[in-house]
Amino acid sequence: MEQWNTRDEIVAGLTRMEEEHPGWERPAAYAVGVHRGGETTFTLINVGERLLPAIALGRACGHTCGTATYELTPEQLDTAIAGLSPAVGCTEMEHPNYHHWVEVSEELRVSGGRAVAVFVASLEDAPVDDHDRAFRAAIAGTAETAGTVGG
């Protein structure tokens, strides 16, 4: 299995993944949430940061651009996790999305529910559904950050 041990290798992998996904546009914000009992919750959100997980998630669910939500199958979530796994070898960067997505995958297998991916092209876009509304509420409750690449 491929492994990226340096920031430069991660950037090269990110660039390659984006080039191989026709129509890809980097989102302003994205996350994987959990939908259970009629409620969608987000415990890790990404606003203007962590570009590698965005493309790994987009490739797994077929997202290319715009504001949209996707209910993920367990296989799609596992595909997104696998898309991030080469970067985990780089110890100079943290990998919160990778660890969070693994935890979500394990939790859903035990407790049920569904993983949900949300992509927001522009924070000015109107929410597209209840999953997106829950995501926007989570964004409103956090401080925005910018500029990181890793997973």
Protein backbone atom coordinates (compact mmCIF):
# COMPACT_ATOMS: atom_id res chain seq x y z
CA MET A 1 0.00 0.00 0.00
CA GLU A 2 1.18 3.51 -0.81
CA GLN A 3 2.32 5.62 2.14
CA TRP A 4 3.12 9.33 2.31
CA ASN A 5 5.65 10.12 5.03
CA THR A 6 6.23 13.82 4.38
CA ARG A 7 4.13 16.94 3.89
CA ASP A 8 5.46 17.16 0.30
CA GLU A 9 4.31 13.60 -0.44
CA ILE A 10 0.86 14.44 0.95
CA VAL A 11 0.63 17.57 -1.21
CA ALA A 12 1.66 15.50 -4.25
CA GLY A 13 -0.98 12.88 -3.40
CA LEU A 14 -3.62 15.59 -2.92
CA THR A 15 -2.76 17.15 -6.26
CA ARG A 16 -2.92 13.80 -8.04
CA MET A 17 -6.27 12.90 -6.41
CA GLU A 18 -7.78 16.26 -7.38
CA GLU A 19 -6.52 15.97 -10.97
CA GLU A 20 -7.99 12.46 -11.25
CA HIS A 21 -11.47 13.63 -10.14
CA PRO A 22 -12.91 15.58 -13.12
CA GLY A 23 -14.92 18.65 -12.19
CA TRP A 24 -13.57 18.77 -8.62
CA GLU A 25 -13.84 22.12 -6.85
CA ARG A 26 -12.58 22.53 -3.30
CA PRO A 27 -15.46 23.15 -0.88
CA ALA A 28 -15.55 26.02 1.59
CA ALA A 29 -16.63 23.52 4.27
CA TYR A 30 -17.33 19.80 4.61
CA ALA A 31 -17.79 17.07 7.19
CA VAL A 32 -18.95 13.56 7.93
CA GLY A 33 -21.81 13.44 10.39
CA VAL A 34 -23.99 10.76 11.93
CA HIS A 35 -27.72 10.51 11.23
CA ARG A 36 -29.59 8.56 13.87
CA GLY A 37 -33.08 8.83 15.33
CA GLY A 38 -34.07 11.63 12.96
CA GLU A 39 -31.13 13.85 13.97
CA THR A 40 -27.83 14.56 12.24
CA THR A 41 -24.85 15.49 14.40
CA PHE A 42 -21.34 16.67 13.54
CA THR A 43 -18.48 16.41 15.98
CA LEU A 44 -15.67 17.34 13.57
CA ILE A 45 -16.14 19.98 10.89
CA ASN A 46 -13.76 21.46 8.35
CA VAL A 47 -14.10 25.08 7.27
CA GLY A 48 -11.48 26.28 4.83
CA GLU A 49 -9.03 23.58 5.86
CA ARG A 50 -7.85 19.99 5.46
CA LEU A 51 -7.98 19.58 1.70
CA LEU A 52 -6.97 15.92 1.48
CA PRO A 53 -9.99 14.58 3.39
CA ALA A 54 -12.28 16.73 1.23
CA ILE A 55 -11.12 15.07 -2.00
CA ALA A 56 -11.00 11.60 -0.41
CA LEU A 57 -14.62 12.04 0.71
CA GLY A 58 -15.67 13.58 -2.61
CA ARG A 59 -14.20 10.69 -4.57
CA ALA A 60 -15.87 8.14 -2.28
CA CYS A 61 -19.36 9.56 -2.74
CA GLY A 62 -19.02 11.01 -6.24
CA HIS A 63 -19.17 14.68 -5.24
CA THR A 64 -17.40 17.14 -7.51
CA CYS A 65 -18.72 20.64 -6.83
CA GLY A 66 -21.54 22.67 -5.33
CA THR A 67 -23.38 22.37 -2.06
CA ALA A 68 -24.76 18.88 -1.49
CA THR A 69 -25.29 16.11 1.04
CA TYR A 70 -24.87 12.36 0.68
CA GLU A 71 -26.00 9.50 2.88
CA LEU A 72 -22.97 7.24 2.83
CA THR A 73 -22.98 3.48 2.71
CA PRO A 74 -20.51 1.75 5.03
CA GLU A 75 -18.47 0.91 1.93
CA GLN A 76 -18.32 4.55 0.84
CA LEU A 77 -17.13 5.64 4.29
CA ASP A 78 -14.51 2.89 4.21
CA THR A 79 -13.42 4.10 0.76
CA ALA A 80 -13.00 7.65 2.12
CA ILE A 81 -10.96 6.29 5.03
CA ALA A 82 -8.79 4.30 2.63
CA GLY A 83 -8.24 7.48 0.60
CA LEU A 84 -6.71 9.11 3.68
CA SER A 85 -4.74 6.13 4.92
CA PRO A 86 -1.54 6.82 2.91
CA ALA A 87 -1.15 10.15 4.77
CA VAL A 88 -1.27 8.65 8.27
CA GLY A 89 2.42 7.76 8.05
CA CYS A 90 3.32 11.46 8.09
CA THR A 91 3.95 12.28 11.74
CA GLU A 92 4.56 15.99 11.11
CA MET A 93 0.82 16.44 10.58
CA GLU A 94 -2.25 15.49 12.56
CA HIS A 95 -4.94 13.38 10.94
CA PRO A 96 -8.18 14.22 12.78
CA ASN A 97 -10.53 13.32 9.92
CA TYR A 98 -8.95 9.91 9.44
CA HIS A 99 -9.27 9.07 13.14
CA HIS A 100 -12.77 10.54 13.38
CA TRP A 101 -14.02 8.66 10.32
CA VAL A 102 -12.63 5.37 11.64
CA GLU A 103 -14.44 6.01 14.96
CA VAL A 104 -17.68 6.88 13.14
CA SER A 105 -17.43 3.74 11.01
CA GLU A 106 -16.92 1.54 14.07
CA GLU A 107 -19.69 3.31 16.02
CA LEU A 108 -22.21 2.90 13.20
CA ARG A 109 -21.45 -0.80 12.87
CA VAL A 110 -22.25 -1.24 16.58
CA SER A 111 -24.99 1.32 17.22
CA GLY A 112 -26.65 1.72 13.86
CA GLY A 113 -27.41 4.94 12.05
CA ARG A 114 -25.99 6.33 8.87
CA ALA A 115 -22.94 8.41 7.95
CA VAL A 116 -23.71 11.61 6.10
CA ALA A 117 -21.30 13.72 4.04
CA VAL A 118 -21.98 17.43 3.62
CA PHE A 119 -20.14 19.72 1.22
CA VAL A 120 -20.73 23.47 1.13
CA ALA A 121 -19.37 25.31 -1.91
CA SER A 122 -19.85 28.75 -0.36
CA LEU A 123 -20.89 29.59 3.18
CA GLU A 124 -23.38 32.02 1.62
CA ASP A 125 -25.22 29.14 -0.12
CA ALA A 126 -28.62 28.30 1.31
CA PRO A 127 -28.76 24.92 3.10
CA VAL A 128 -30.00 22.18 0.79
CA ASP A 129 -31.65 19.91 3.40
CA ASP A 130 -31.86 19.03 7.10
CA HIS A 131 -28.38 17.45 7.12
CA ASP A 132 -26.95 20.69 5.73
CA ARG A 133 -28.94 22.77 8.26
CA ALA A 134 -27.45 20.70 11.10
CA PHE A 135 -24.00 21.19 9.57
CA ARG A 136 -24.48 24.98 9.33
CA ALA A 137 -25.53 25.02 12.98
CA ALA A 138 -22.32 23.14 13.85
CA ILE A 139 -20.28 25.63 11.83
CA ALA A 140 -21.94 28.53 13.63
CA GLY A 141 -20.82 27.02 16.92
CA THR A 142 -17.09 26.92 16.00
CA ALA A 143 -14.38 29.35 15.07
CA GLU A 144 -13.27 29.26 11.43
CA THR A 145 -9.73 28.27 10.58
CA ALA A 146 -7.93 28.07 7.29
CA GLY A 147 -5.03 26.75 5.39
CA THR A 148 -4.19 23.15 6.30
CA VAL A 149 -3.80 20.31 3.85
CA GLY A 150 -3.58 17.04 5.81
CA GLY A 151 -6.14 14.55 6.90
